[in-house]
Amino acid sequence: MTEFNVKTRPVGASVYVDGRLNGTSPCTVSASVGTHTVTLRLEGYREQTYTMDLNSTRSISAQLIREIGAPSEPVSVQTETVIRAAAITSPPIVTTTANAQQSEPVDLFQYIIFFFRGVFGGD
């Protein structure tokens, strides 16, 4: 028996030697001297397979490649809804001096005026 090291980027790949799970990378694997098939699997990445001769090689260092998924189905756009939504108009807002003063502030400037009117008793 002999040992060899397996390192992957990213780490955490399942390491199979001759079809049997031997751990997750990075790891040290024990195997008999000779030729072995080493497979690396990590979800979201392409499976990579190496033929390794343990008479001469003692490590595998692999950069895993992201799996490219199938193209997504085109999303249908509901153009009728968009057209109808664009066609709806709200009545115009008319601001007069009579309804411009509110009992509650709406923005920061109105809040400051509202506050000081309350403190100093202004109209």
PDB file of N, CA and C in Angstrom:
ATOM      1  N   MET A   1       0.842  -1.188   0.000  1.00  0.00           N
ATOM      2  CA  MET A   1       0.000   0.000   0.000  1.00  0.00           C
ATOM      3  C   MET A   1       0.886   1.250   0.000  1.00  0.00           C
ATOM      4  N   THR A   2       0.317   2.312  -0.597  1.00  0.00           N
ATOM      5  CA  THR A   2       0.983   3.604  -0.611  1.00  0.00           C
ATOM      6  C   THR A   2      -0.074   4.689  -0.449  1.00  0.00           C
ATOM      7  N   GLU A   3       0.350   5.895  -0.203  1.00  0.00           N
ATOM      8  CA  GLU A   3      -0.585   7.009  -0.015  1.00  0.00           C
ATOM      9  C   GLU A   3      -0.334   8.072  -1.068  1.00  0.00           C
ATOM     10  N   PHE A   4      -1.424   8.807  -1.389  1.00  0.00           N
ATOM     11  CA  PHE A   4      -1.284   9.974  -2.252  1.00  0.00           C
ATOM     12  C   PHE A   4      -2.240  11.051  -1.754  1.00  0.00           C
ATOM     13  N   ASN A   5      -1.915  12.291  -2.044  1.00  0.00           N
ATOM     14  CA  ASN A   5      -2.697  13.446  -1.590  1.00  0.00           C
ATOM     15  C   ASN A   5      -3.605  13.940  -2.701  1.00  0.00           C
ATOM     16  N   VAL A   6      -4.806  14.393  -2.298  1.00  0.00           N
ATOM     17  CA  VAL A   6      -5.757  14.975  -3.247  1.00  0.00           C
ATOM     18  C   VAL A   6      -6.153  16.344  -2.713  1.00  0.00           C
ATOM     19  N   LYS A   7      -5.937  17.362  -3.531  1.00  0.00           N
ATOM     20  CA  LYS A   7      -6.333  18.733  -3.193  1.00  0.00           C
ATOM     21  C   LYS A   7      -7.173  19.272  -4.337  1.00  0.00           C
ATOM     22  N   THR A   8      -8.243  20.005  -3.993  1.00  0.00           N
ATOM     23  CA  THR A   8      -9.078  20.628  -5.025  1.00  0.00           C
ATOM     24  C   THR A   8      -9.369  22.063  -4.634  1.00  0.00           C
ATOM     25  N   ARG A   9      -9.648  22.852  -5.657  1.00  0.00           N
ATOM     26  CA  ARG A   9     -10.158  24.208  -5.454  1.00  0.00           C
ATOM     27  C   ARG A   9     -11.466  24.278  -6.181  1.00  0.00           C
ATOM     28  N   PRO A  10     -12.594  24.502  -5.549  1.00  0.00           N
ATOM     29  CA  PRO A  10     -12.762  24.645  -4.108  1.00  0.00           C
ATOM     30  C   PRO A  10     -12.636  23.295  -3.402  1.00  0.00           C
ATOM     31  N   VAL A  11     -12.437  23.357  -2.099  1.00  0.00           N
ATOM     32  CA  VAL A  11     -12.313  22.145  -1.296  1.00  0.00           C
ATOM     33  C   VAL A  11     -13.682  21.502  -1.118  1.00  0.00           C
ATOM     34  N   GLY A  12     -13.686  20.270  -0.646  1.00  0.00           N
ATOM     35  CA  GLY A  12     -14.946  19.594  -0.350  1.00  0.00           C
ATOM     36  C   GLY A  12     -15.433  18.631  -1.413  1.00  0.00           C
ATOM     37  N   ALA A  13     -14.616  18.372  -2.436  1.00  0.00           N
ATOM     38  CA  ALA A  13     -15.023  17.433  -3.476  1.00  0.00           C
ATOM     39  C   ALA A  13     -14.950  16.005  -2.946  1.00  0.00           C
ATOM     40  N   SER A  14     -15.896  15.172  -3.345  1.00  0.00           N
ATOM     41  CA  SER A  14     -15.862  13.751  -3.005  1.00  0.00           C
ATOM     42  C   SER A  14     -14.791  13.092  -3.865  1.00  0.00           C
ATOM     43  N   VAL A  15     -13.940  12.274  -3.219  1.00  0.00           N
ATOM     44  CA  VAL A  15     -12.830  11.622  -3.915  1.00  0.00           C
ATOM     45  C   VAL A  15     -13.140  10.128  -4.018  1.00  0.00           C
ATOM     46  N   TYR A  16     -13.288   9.651  -5.257  1.00  0.00           N
ATOM     47  CA  TYR A  16     -13.558   8.235  -5.526  1.00  0.00           C
ATOM     48  C   TYR A  16     -12.313   7.616  -6.144  1.00  0.00           C
ATOM     49  N   VAL A  17     -11.880   6.477  -5.614  1.00  0.00           N
ATOM     50  CA  VAL A  17     -10.772   5.738  -6.199  1.00  0.00           C
ATOM     51  C   VAL A  17     -11.335   4.400  -6.664  1.00  0.00           C
ATOM     52  N   ASP A  18     -11.227   4.163  -7.953  1.00  0.00           N
ATOM     53  CA  ASP A  18     -11.770   2.947  -8.572  1.00  0.00           C
ATOM     54  C   ASP A  18     -13.245   2.753  -8.210  1.00  0.00           C
ATOM     55  N   GLY A  19     -14.001   3.862  -8.191  1.00  0.00           N
ATOM     56  CA  GLY A  19     -15.443   3.807  -7.960  1.00  0.00           C
ATOM     57  C   GLY A  19     -15.871   3.800  -6.500  1.00  0.00           C
ATOM     58  N   ARG A  20     -14.917   3.789  -5.568  1.00  0.00           N
ATOM     59  CA  ARG A  20     -15.258   3.765  -4.135  1.00  0.00           C
ATOM     60  C   ARG A  20     -14.925   5.103  -3.497  1.00  0.00           C
ATOM     61  N   LEU A  21     -15.857   5.626  -2.685  1.00  0.00           N
ATOM     62  CA  LEU A  21     -15.644   6.898  -1.996  1.00  0.00           C
ATOM     63  C   LEU A  21     -14.540   6.733  -0.962  1.00  0.00           C
ATOM     64  N   ASN A  22     -13.563   7.644  -0.990  1.00  0.00           N
ATOM     65  CA  ASN A  22     -12.432   7.587  -0.066  1.00  0.00           C
ATOM     66  C   ASN A  22     -12.302   8.829   0.796  1.00  0.00           C
ATOM     67  N   GLY A  23     -13.233   9.785   0.708  1.00  0.00           N
ATOM     68  CA  GLY A  23     -13.179  10.989   1.522  1.00  0.00           C
ATOM     69  C   GLY A  23     -13.494  12.220   0.711  1.00  0.00           C
ATOM     70  N   THR A  24     -13.262  13.372   1.342  1.00  0.00           N
ATOM     71  CA  THR A  24     -13.463  14.646   0.660  1.00  0.00           C
ATOM     72  C   THR A  24     -12.163  15.428   0.692  1.00  0.00           C
ATOM     73  N   SER A  25     -11.954  16.206  -0.354  1.00  0.00           N
ATOM     74  CA  SER A  25     -10.703  16.945  -0.481  1.00  0.00           C
ATOM     75  C   SER A  25     -10.664  18.135   0.476  1.00  0.00           C
ATOM     76  N   PRO A  26      -9.499  18.463   0.984  1.00  0.00           N
ATOM     77  CA  PRO A  26      -8.215  17.796   0.793  1.00  0.00           C
ATOM     78  C   PRO A  26      -8.140  16.531   1.651  1.00  0.00           C
ATOM     79  N   CYS A  27      -7.487  15.505   1.119  1.00  0.00           N
ATOM     80  CA  CYS A  27      -7.380  14.257   1.876  1.00  0.00           C
ATOM     81  C   CYS A  27      -6.166  13.469   1.416  1.00  0.00           C
ATOM     82  N   THR A  28      -5.820  12.477   2.214  1.00  0.00           N
ATOM     83  CA  THR A  28      -4.781  11.525   1.875  1.00  0.00           C
ATOM     84  C   THR A  28      -5.455  10.182   1.699  1.00  0.00           C
ATOM     85  N   VAL A  29      -5.178   9.516   0.584  1.00  0.00           N
ATOM     86  CA  VAL A  29      -5.827   8.255   0.237  1.00  0.00           C
ATOM     87  C   VAL A  29      -4.784   7.145   0.220  1.00  0.00           C
ATOM     88  N   SER A  30      -5.144   6.009   0.782  1.00  0.00           N
ATOM     89  CA  SER A  30      -4.289   4.823   0.737  1.00  0.00           C
ATOM     90  C   SER A  30      -4.778   3.912  -0.381  1.00  0.00           C
ATOM     91  N   ALA A  31      -3.840   3.412  -1.192  1.00  0.00           N
ATOM     92  CA  ALA A  31      -4.187   2.509  -2.288  1.00  0.00           C
ATOM     93  C   ALA A  31      -2.970   1.645  -2.597  1.00  0.00           C
ATOM     94  N   SER A  32      -3.214   0.566  -3.274  1.00  0.00           N
ATOM     95  CA  SER A  32      -2.111  -0.311  -3.664  1.00  0.00           C
ATOM     96  C   SER A  32      -1.317   0.332  -4.790  1.00  0.00           C
ATOM     97  N   VAL A  33      -0.050  -0.030  -4.875  1.00  0.00           N
ATOM     98  CA  VAL A  33       0.800   0.478  -5.942  1.00  0.00           C
ATOM     99  C   VAL A  33       0.234  -0.025  -7.264  1.00  0.00           C
ATOM    100  N   GLY A  34       0.210   0.836  -8.263  1.00  0.00           N
ATOM    101  CA  GLY A  34      -0.324   0.470  -9.566  1.00  0.00           C
ATOM    102  C   GLY A  34      -1.149   1.608 -10.137  1.00  0.00           C
ATOM    103  N   THR A  35      -1.965   1.290 -11.115  1.00  0.00           N
ATOM    104  CA  THR A  35      -2.781   2.285 -11.803  1.00  0.00           C
ATOM    105  C   THR A  35      -4.193   2.283 -11.230  1.00  0.00           C
ATOM    106  N   HIS A  36      -4.697   3.487 -10.954  1.00  0.00           N
ATOM    107  CA  HIS A  36      -6.039   3.645 -10.381  1.00  0.00           C
ATOM    108  C   HIS A  36      -6.769   4.773 -11.094  1.00  0.00           C
ATOM    109  N   THR A  37      -8.104   4.710 -11.062  1.00  0.00           N
ATOM    110  CA  THR A  37      -8.941   5.776 -11.601  1.00  0.00           C
ATOM    111  C   THR A  37      -9.441   6.604 -10.423  1.00  0.00           C
ATOM    112  N   VAL A  38      -9.152   7.892 -10.452  1.00  0.00           N
ATOM    113  CA  VAL A  38      -9.566   8.808  -9.386  1.00  0.00           C
ATOM    114  C   VAL A  38     -10.587   9.775  -9.978  1.00  0.00           C
ATOM    115  N   THR A  39     -11.767   9.838  -9.335  1.00  0.00           N
ATOM    116  CA  THR A  39     -12.832  10.722  -9.799  1.00  0.00           C
ATOM    117  C   THR A  39     -13.134  11.732  -8.711  1.00  0.00           C
ATOM    118  N   LEU A  40     -13.273  12.992  -9.102  1.00  0.00           N
ATOM    119  CA  LEU A  40     -13.594  14.086  -8.175  1.00  0.00           C
ATOM    120  C   LEU A  40     -14.983  14.604  -8.507  1.00  0.00           C
ATOM    121  N   ARG A  41     -15.847  14.696  -7.491  1.00  0.00           N
ATOM    122  CA  ARG A  41     -17.221  15.176  -7.692  1.00  0.00           C
ATOM    123  C   ARG A  41     -17.559  16.212  -6.637  1.00  0.00           C
ATOM    124  N   LEU A  42     -18.147  17.307  -7.100  1.00  0.00           N
ATOM    125  CA  LEU A  42     -18.640  18.356  -6.211  1.00  0.00           C
ATOM    126  C   LEU A  42     -19.863  18.968  -6.869  1.00  0.00           C
ATOM    127  N   GLU A  43     -20.944  19.074  -6.115  1.00  0.00           N
ATOM    128  CA  GLU A  43     -22.191  19.609  -6.674  1.00  0.00           C
ATOM    129  C   GLU A  43     -21.962  21.003  -7.237  1.00  0.00           C
ATOM    130  N   GLY A  44     -22.457  21.223  -8.461  1.00  0.00           N
ATOM    131  CA  GLY A  44     -22.306  22.508  -9.134  1.00  0.00           C
ATOM    132  C   GLY A  44     -21.042  22.599  -9.983  1.00  0.00           C
ATOM    133  N   TYR A  45     -20.220  21.513  -9.967  1.00  0.00           N
ATOM    134  CA  TYR A  45     -18.971  21.493 -10.721  1.00  0.00           C
ATOM    135  C   TYR A  45     -18.922  20.243 -11.598  1.00  0.00           C
ATOM    136  N   ARG A  46     -18.149  20.317 -12.673  1.00  0.00           N
ATOM    137  CA  ARG A  46     -17.992  19.173 -13.567  1.00  0.00           C
ATOM    138  C   ARG A  46     -17.216  18.063 -12.859  1.00  0.00           C
ATOM    139  N   GLU A  47     -17.638  16.838 -13.100  1.00  0.00           N
ATOM    140  CA  GLU A  47     -16.903  15.683 -12.584  1.00  0.00           C
ATOM    141  C   GLU A  47     -15.588  15.581 -13.349  1.00  0.00           C
ATOM    142  N   GLN A  48     -14.501  15.313 -12.616  1.00  0.00           N
ATOM    143  CA  GLN A  48     -13.199  15.165 -13.257  1.00  0.00           C
ATOM    144  C   GLN A  48     -12.630  13.798 -12.915  1.00  0.00           C
ATOM    145  N   THR A  49     -12.100  13.105 -13.917  1.00  0.00           N
ATOM    146  CA  THR A  49     -11.543  11.767 -13.729  1.00  0.00           C
ATOM    147  C   THR A  49     -10.086  11.751 -14.168  1.00  0.00           C
ATOM    148  N   TYR A  50      -9.241  11.114 -13.354  1.00  0.00           N
ATOM    149  CA  TYR A  50      -7.813  11.004 -13.631  1.00  0.00           C
ATOM    150  C   TYR A  50      -7.407   9.540 -13.569  1.00  0.00           C
ATOM    151  N   THR A  51      -6.484   9.149 -14.429  1.00  0.00           N
ATOM    152  CA  THR A  51      -5.855   7.841 -14.326  1.00  0.00           C
ATOM    153  C   THR A  51      -4.508   8.087 -13.659  1.00  0.00           C
ATOM    154  N   MET A  52      -4.296   7.411 -12.537  1.00  0.00           N
ATOM    155  CA  MET A  52      -3.134   7.711 -11.721  1.00  0.00           C
ATOM    156  C   MET A  52      -2.260   6.462 -11.564  1.00  0.00           C
ATOM    157  N   ASP A  53      -0.981   6.598 -11.874  1.00  0.00           N
ATOM    158  CA  ASP A  53      -0.031   5.505 -11.690  1.00  0.00           C
ATOM    159  C   ASP A  53       0.727   5.783 -10.407  1.00  0.00           C
ATOM    160  N   LEU A  54       0.431   5.020  -9.382  1.00  0.00           N
ATOM    161  CA  LEU A  54       1.049   5.252  -8.080  1.00  0.00           C
ATOM    162  C   LEU A  54       2.507   4.804  -8.024  1.00  0.00           C
ATOM    163  N   ASN A  55       3.018   4.272  -9.114  1.00  0.00           N
ATOM    164  CA  ASN A  55       4.453   3.970  -9.162  1.00  0.00           C
ATOM    165  C   ASN A  55       5.251   5.263  -9.304  1.00  0.00           C
ATOM    166  N   SER A  56       4.615   6.305  -9.909  1.00  0.00           N
ATOM    167  CA  SER A  56       5.357   7.541 -10.157  1.00  0.00           C
ATOM    168  C   SER A  56       4.676   8.797  -9.613  1.00  0.00           C
ATOM    169  N   THR A  57       3.367   8.805  -9.465  1.00  0.00           N
ATOM    170  CA  THR A  57       2.634  10.001  -9.044  1.00  0.00           C
ATOM    171  C   THR A  57       2.171   9.829  -7.599  1.00  0.00           C
ATOM    172  N   ARG A  58       2.273  10.902  -6.814  1.00  0.00           N
ATOM    173  CA  ARG A  58       1.876  10.827  -5.411  1.00  0.00           C
ATOM    174  C   ARG A  58       0.857  11.891  -5.003  1.00  0.00           C
ATOM    175  N   SER A  59       0.370  12.698  -5.966  1.00  0.00           N
ATOM    176  CA  SER A  59      -0.626  13.707  -5.590  1.00  0.00           C
ATOM    177  C   SER A  59      -1.434  14.156  -6.792  1.00  0.00           C
ATOM    178  N   ILE A  60      -2.628  14.649  -6.481  1.00  0.00           N
ATOM    179  CA  ILE A  60      -3.494  15.279  -7.486  1.00  0.00           C
ATOM    180  C   ILE A  60      -3.872  16.637  -6.912  1.00  0.00           C
ATOM    181  N   SER A  61      -3.706  17.659  -7.728  1.00  0.00           N
ATOM    182  CA  SER A  61      -4.139  19.002  -7.365  1.00  0.00           C
ATOM    183  C   SER A  61      -5.002  19.496  -8.525  1.00  0.00           C
ATOM    184  N   ALA A  62      -6.296  19.695  -8.262  1.00  0.00           N
ATOM    185  CA  ALA A  62      -7.224  20.006  -9.352  1.00  0.00           C
ATOM    186  C   ALA A  62      -8.008  21.277  -9.089  1.00  0.00           C
ATOM    187  N   GLN A  63      -8.161  22.090 -10.135  1.00  0.00           N
ATOM    188  CA  GLN A  63      -9.043  23.249 -10.112  1.00  0.00           C
ATOM    189  C   GLN A  63     -10.353  22.783 -10.730  1.00  0.00           C
ATOM    190  N   LEU A  64     -11.413  22.702  -9.926  1.00  0.00           N
ATOM    191  CA  LEU A  64     -12.696  22.225 -10.432  1.00  0.00           C
ATOM    192  C   LEU A  64     -13.353  23.313 -11.282  1.00  0.00           C
ATOM    193  N   ILE A  65     -14.078  22.875 -12.287  1.00  0.00           N
ATOM    194  CA  ILE A  65     -14.709  23.791 -13.250  1.00  0.00           C
ATOM    195  C   ILE A  65     -16.207  23.820 -12.991  1.00  0.00           C
ATOM    196  N   ARG A  66     -16.749  25.015 -12.890  1.00  0.00           N
ATOM    197  CA  ARG A  66     -18.199  25.171 -12.649  1.00  0.00           C
ATOM    198  C   ARG A  66     -19.000  24.514 -13.747  1.00  0.00           C
ATOM    199  N   GLU A  67     -20.083  23.863 -13.334  1.00  0.00           N
ATOM    200  CA  GLU A  67     -21.008  23.236 -14.277  1.00  0.00           C
ATOM    201  C   GLU A  67     -21.864  24.323 -14.901  1.00  0.00           C
ATOM    202  N   ILE A  68     -22.021  24.279 -16.206  1.00  0.00           N
ATOM    203  CA  ILE A  68     -22.875  25.239 -16.889  1.00  0.00           C
ATOM    204  C   ILE A  68     -24.228  24.574 -17.061  1.00  0.00           C
ATOM    205  N   GLY A  69     -25.246  25.162 -16.481  1.00  0.00           N
ATOM    206  CA  GLY A  69     -26.583  24.586 -16.525  1.00  0.00           C
ATOM    207  C   GLY A  69     -27.225  24.747 -17.885  1.00  0.00           C
ATOM    208  N   ALA A  70     -28.303  24.040 -18.059  1.00  0.00           N
ATOM    209  CA  ALA A  70     -29.070  24.161 -19.299  1.00  0.00           C
ATOM    210  C   ALA A  70     -29.657  25.555 -19.376  1.00  0.00           C
ATOM    211  N   PRO A  71     -29.773  26.098 -20.565  1.00  0.00           N
ATOM    212  CA  PRO A  71     -30.354  27.433 -20.676  1.00  0.00           C
ATOM    213  C   PRO A  71     -31.771  27.444 -20.110  1.00  0.00           C
ATOM    214  N   SER A  72     -32.066  28.499 -19.421  1.00  0.00           N
ATOM    215  CA  SER A  72     -33.390  28.588 -18.807  1.00  0.00           C
ATOM    216  C   SER A  72     -34.445  28.875 -19.865  1.00  0.00           C
ATOM    217  N   GLU A  73     -35.654  28.467 -19.562  1.00  0.00           N
ATOM    218  CA  GLU A  73     -36.773  28.713 -20.469  1.00  0.00           C
ATOM    219  C   GLU A  73     -37.083  30.203 -20.478  1.00  0.00           C
ATOM    220  N   PRO A  74     -37.410  30.750 -21.640  1.00  0.00           N
ATOM    221  CA  PRO A  74     -37.765  32.172 -21.662  1.00  0.00           C
ATOM    222  C   PRO A  74     -39.037  32.414 -20.861  1.00  0.00           C
ATOM    223  N   VAL A  75     -39.039  33.499 -20.149  1.00  0.00           N
ATOM    224  CA  VAL A  75     -40.188  33.861 -19.338  1.00  0.00           C
ATOM    225  C   VAL A  75     -41.151  34.662 -20.195  1.00  0.00           C
ATOM    226  N   SER A  76     -42.416  34.242 -20.202  1.00  0.00           N
ATOM    227  CA  SER A  76     -43.387  34.984 -21.002  1.00  0.00           C
ATOM    228  C   SER A  76     -43.781  36.252 -20.260  1.00  0.00           C
ATOM    229  N   VAL A  77     -43.805  37.332 -20.977  1.00  0.00           N
ATOM    230  CA  VAL A  77     -44.161  38.615 -20.399  1.00  0.00           C
ATOM    231  C   VAL A  77     -45.643  38.850 -20.628  1.00  0.00           C
ATOM    232  N   GLN A  78     -46.312  39.277 -19.616  1.00  0.00           N
ATOM    233  CA  GLN A  78     -47.749  39.521 -19.734  1.00  0.00           C
ATOM    234  C   GLN A  78     -47.965  40.935 -20.250  1.00  0.00           C
ATOM    235  N   THR A  79     -47.875  41.068 -21.563  1.00  0.00           N
ATOM    236  CA  THR A  79     -47.963  42.391 -22.158  1.00  0.00           C
ATOM    237  C   THR A  79     -49.344  43.005 -21.997  1.00  0.00           C
ATOM    238  N   GLU A  80     -50.380  42.179 -21.962  1.00  0.00           N
ATOM    239  CA  GLU A  80     -51.727  42.732 -21.811  1.00  0.00           C
ATOM    240  C   GLU A  80     -51.856  43.458 -20.476  1.00  0.00           C
ATOM    241  N   THR A  81     -51.335  42.852 -19.418  1.00  0.00           N
ATOM    242  CA  THR A  81     -51.415  43.470 -18.096  1.00  0.00           C
ATOM    243  C   THR A  81     -50.652  44.783 -18.073  1.00  0.00           C
ATOM    244  N   VAL A  82     -49.477  44.783 -18.685  1.00  0.00           N
ATOM    245  CA  VAL A  82     -48.662  45.996 -18.707  1.00  0.00           C
ATOM    246  C   VAL A  82     -49.378  47.092 -19.486  1.00  0.00           C
ATOM    247  N   ILE A  83     -49.951  46.755 -20.623  1.00  0.00           N
ATOM    248  CA  ILE A  83     -50.657  47.750 -21.434  1.00  0.00           C
ATOM    249  C   ILE A  83     -51.857  48.294 -20.669  1.00  0.00           C
ATOM    250  N   ARG A  84     -52.595  47.405 -20.020  1.00  0.00           N
ATOM    251  CA  ARG A  84     -53.748  47.863 -19.255  1.00  0.00           C
ATOM    252  C   ARG A  84     -53.327  48.742 -18.090  1.00  0.00           C
ATOM    253  N   ALA A  85     -52.256  48.385 -17.435  1.00  0.00           N
ATOM    254  CA  ALA A  85     -51.783  49.179 -16.300  1.00  0.00           C
ATOM    255  C   ALA A  85     -51.342  50.557 -16.773  1.00  0.00           C
ATOM    256  N   ALA A  86     -50.722  50.617 -17.948  1.00  0.00           N
ATOM    257  CA  ALA A  86     -50.274  51.903 -18.470  1.00  0.00           C
ATOM    258  C   ALA A  86     -51.456  52.744 -18.930  1.00  0.00           C
ATOM    259  N   ALA A  87     -52.550  52.106 -19.319  1.00  0.00           N
ATOM    260  CA  ALA A  87     -53.700  52.851 -19.820  1.00  0.00           C
ATOM    261  C   ALA A  87     -54.525  53.469 -18.698  1.00  0.00           C
ATOM    262  N   ILE A  88     -54.379  52.948 -17.487  1.00  0.00           N
ATOM    263  CA  ILE A  88     -55.150  53.497 -16.368  1.00  0.00           C
ATOM    264  C   ILE A  88     -54.464  54.768 -15.886  1.00  0.00           C
ATOM    265  N   THR A  89     -55.214  55.852 -15.849  1.00  0.00           N
ATOM    266  CA  THR A  89     -54.646  57.100 -15.343  1.00  0.00           C
ATOM    267  C   THR A  89     -55.446  57.539 -14.136  1.00  0.00           C
ATOM    268  N   SER A  90     -54.756  58.111 -13.213  1.00  0.00           N
ATOM    269  CA  SER A  90     -55.457  58.612 -12.030  1.00  0.00           C
ATOM    270  C   SER A  90     -55.844  60.062 -12.279  1.00  0.00           C
ATOM    271  N   PRO A  91     -56.873  60.527 -11.601  1.00  0.00           N
ATOM    272  CA  PRO A  91     -57.259  61.929 -11.786  1.00  0.00           C
ATOM    273  C   PRO A  91     -56.146  62.844 -11.308  1.00  0.00           C
ATOM    274  N   PRO A  92     -56.005  63.994 -11.948  1.00  0.00           N
ATOM    275  CA  PRO A  92     -54.928  64.905 -11.543  1.00  0.00           C
ATOM    276  C   PRO A  92     -55.155  65.421 -10.120  1.00  0.00           C
ATOM    277  N   ILE A  93     -54.091  65.632  -9.417  1.00  0.00           N
ATOM    278  CA  ILE A  93     -54.160  66.160  -8.054  1.00  0.00           C
ATOM    279  C   ILE A  93     -54.044  67.668  -8.142  1.00  0.00           C
ATOM    280  N   VAL A  94     -55.026  68.339  -7.629  1.00  0.00           N
ATOM    281  CA  VAL A  94     -55.041  69.797  -7.645  1.00  0.00           C
ATOM    282  C   VAL A  94     -54.777  70.275  -6.232  1.00  0.00           C
ATOM    283  N   THR A  95     -53.753  71.098  -6.080  1.00  0.00           N
ATOM    284  CA  THR A  95     -53.409  71.622  -4.765  1.00  0.00           C
ATOM    285  C   THR A  95     -53.806  73.086  -4.711  1.00  0.00           C
ATOM    286  N   THR A  96     -54.587  73.408  -3.743  1.00  0.00           N
ATOM    287  CA  THR A  96     -54.967  74.803  -3.534  1.00  0.00           C
ATOM    288  C   THR A  96     -54.454  75.221  -2.175  1.00  0.00           C
ATOM    289  N   THR A  97     -54.474  76.519  -1.915  1.00  0.00           N
ATOM    290  CA  THR A  97     -54.012  76.991  -0.613  1.00  0.00           C
ATOM    291  C   THR A  97     -54.910  76.504   0.509  1.00  0.00           C
ATOM    292  N   ALA A  98     -56.147  76.200   0.214  1.00  0.00           N
ATOM    293  CA  ALA A  98     -57.068  75.738   1.247  1.00  0.00           C
ATOM    294  C   ALA A  98     -56.698  74.332   1.719  1.00  0.00           C
ATOM    295  N   ASN A  99     -56.306  73.432   0.781  1.00  0.00           N
ATOM    296  CA  ASN A  99     -55.981  72.074   1.215  1.00  0.00           C
ATOM    297  C   ASN A  99     -54.474  71.818   1.303  1.00  0.00           C
ATOM    298  N   ALA A 100     -53.654  72.826   1.105  1.00  0.00           N
ATOM    299  CA  ALA A 100     -52.214  72.638   1.163  1.00  0.00           C
ATOM    300  C   ALA A 100     -51.738  72.478   2.601  1.00  0.00           C
ATOM    301  N   GLN A 101     -52.393  73.121   3.552  1.00  0.00           N
ATOM    302  CA  GLN A 101     -51.983  72.983   4.941  1.00  0.00           C
ATOM    303  C   GLN A 101     -52.639  71.747   5.515  1.00  0.00           C
ATOM    304  N   GLN A 102     -51.814  70.896   6.064  1.00  0.00           N
ATOM    305  CA  GLN A 102     -52.306  69.638   6.586  1.00  0.00           C
ATOM    306  C   GLN A 102     -52.155  69.616   8.089  1.00  0.00           C
ATOM    307  N   SER A 103     -52.936  68.776   8.730  1.00  0.00           N
ATOM    308  CA  SER A 103     -52.824  68.668  10.173  1.00  0.00           C
ATOM    309  C   SER A 103     -51.645  67.784  10.568  1.00  0.00           C
ATOM    310  N   GLU A 104     -51.166  66.927   9.666  1.00  0.00           N
ATOM    311  CA  GLU A 104     -50.025  66.052   9.928  1.00  0.00           C
ATOM    312  C   GLU A 104     -48.931  66.328   8.896  1.00  0.00           C
ATOM    313  N   PRO A 105     -47.664  66.331   9.305  1.00  0.00           N
ATOM    314  CA  PRO A 105     -46.576  66.565   8.350  1.00  0.00           C
ATOM    315  C   PRO A 105     -46.387  65.372   7.428  1.00  0.00           C
ATOM    316  N   VAL A 106     -45.948  65.670   6.180  1.00  0.00           N
ATOM    317  CA  VAL A 106     -45.743  64.630   5.190  1.00  0.00           C
ATOM    318  C   VAL A 106     -44.253  64.390   4.958  1.00  0.00           C
ATOM    319  N   ASP A 107     -43.455  65.448   4.908  1.00  0.00           N
ATOM    320  CA  ASP A 107     -42.027  65.275   4.701  1.00  0.00           C
ATOM    321  C   ASP A 107     -41.259  65.992   5.814  1.00  0.00           C
ATOM    322  N   LEU A 108     -39.941  65.952   5.761  1.00  0.00           N
ATOM    323  CA  LEU A 108     -39.107  66.505   6.818  1.00  0.00           C
ATOM    324  C   LEU A 108     -39.312  68.002   6.987  1.00  0.00           C
ATOM    325  N   PHE A 109     -39.393  68.739   5.888  1.00  0.00           N
ATOM    326  CA  PHE A 109     -39.573  70.184   5.972  1.00  0.00           C
ATOM    327  C   PHE A 109     -40.896  70.525   6.659  1.00  0.00           C
ATOM    328  N   GLN A 110     -41.961  69.827   6.263  1.00  0.00           N
ATOM    329  CA  GLN A 110     -43.261  70.066   6.900  1.00  0.00           C
ATOM    330  C   GLN A 110     -43.229  69.677   8.370  1.00  0.00           C
ATOM    331  N   TYR A 111     -42.496  68.630   8.699  1.00  0.00           N
ATOM    332  CA  TYR A 111     -42.393  68.212  10.095  1.00  0.00           C
ATOM    333  C   TYR A 111     -41.723  69.291  10.929  1.00  0.00           C
ATOM    334  N   ILE A 112     -40.647  69.913  10.396  1.00  0.00           N
ATOM    335  CA  ILE A 112     -39.946  70.976  11.132  1.00  0.00           C
ATOM    336  C   ILE A 112     -40.885  72.153  11.362  1.00  0.00           C
ATOM    337  N   ILE A 113     -41.609  72.563  10.322  1.00  0.00           N
ATOM    338  CA  ILE A 113     -42.566  73.669  10.465  1.00  0.00           C
ATOM    339  C   ILE A 113     -43.651  73.293  11.465  1.00  0.00           C
ATOM    340  N   PHE A 114     -44.182  72.097  11.368  1.00  0.00           N
ATOM    341  CA  PHE A 114     -45.223  71.601  12.279  1.00  0.00           C
ATOM    342  C   PHE A 114     -44.721  71.623  13.724  1.00  0.00           C
ATOM    343  N   PHE A 115     -43.462  71.190  13.913  1.00  0.00           N
ATOM    344  CA  PHE A 115     -42.880  71.163  15.255  1.00  0.00           C
ATOM    345  C   PHE A 115     -42.760  72.560  15.842  1.00  0.00           C
ATOM    346  N   PHE A 116     -42.170  73.494  15.073  1.00  0.00           N
ATOM    347  CA  PHE A 116     -41.970  74.835  15.595  1.00  0.00           C
ATOM    348  C   PHE A 116     -43.276  75.577  15.822  1.00  0.00           C
ATOM    349  N   ARG A 117     -44.292  75.310  15.001  1.00  0.00           N
ATOM    350  CA  ARG A 117     -45.620  75.903  15.230  1.00  0.00           C
ATOM    351  C   ARG A 117     -46.182  75.418  16.557  1.00  0.00           C
ATOM    352  N   GLY A 118     -45.956  74.131  16.842  1.00  0.00           N
ATOM    353  CA  GLY A 118     -46.447  73.587  18.108  1.00  0.00           C
ATOM    354  C   GLY A 118     -45.688  74.165  19.296  1.00  0.00           C
ATOM    355  N   VAL A 119     -44.378  74.357  19.153  1.00  0.00           N
ATOM    356  CA  VAL A 119     -43.552  74.874  20.258  1.00  0.00           C
ATOM    357  C   VAL A 119     -43.852  76.349  20.496  1.00  0.00           C
ATOM    358  N   PHE A 120     -43.942  77.138  19.422  1.00  0.00           N
ATOM    359  CA  PHE A 120     -44.121  78.577  19.570  1.00  0.00           C
ATOM    360  C   PHE A 120     -45.555  79.034  19.423  1.00  0.00           C
ATOM    361  N   GLY A 121     -46.476  78.104  19.188  1.00  0.00           N
ATOM    362  CA  GLY A 121     -47.881  78.451  19.121  1.00  0.00           C
ATOM    363  C   GLY A 121     -48.265  79.215  17.870  1.00  0.00           C
ATOM    364  N   GLY A 122     -47.578  79.022  16.766  1.00  0.00           N
ATOM    365  CA  GLY A 122     -47.899  79.723  15.520  1.00  0.00           C
ATOM    366  C   GLY A 122     -49.064  79.081  14.796  1.00  0.00           C
ATOM    367  N   ASP A 123     -49.575  79.803  13.772  1.00  0.00           N
ATOM    368  CA  ASP A 123     -50.685  79.272  12.966  1.00  0.00           C
ATOM    369  C   ASP A 123     -50.208  78.259  11.984  1.00  0.00           C
TER     370      ASP A 123
END
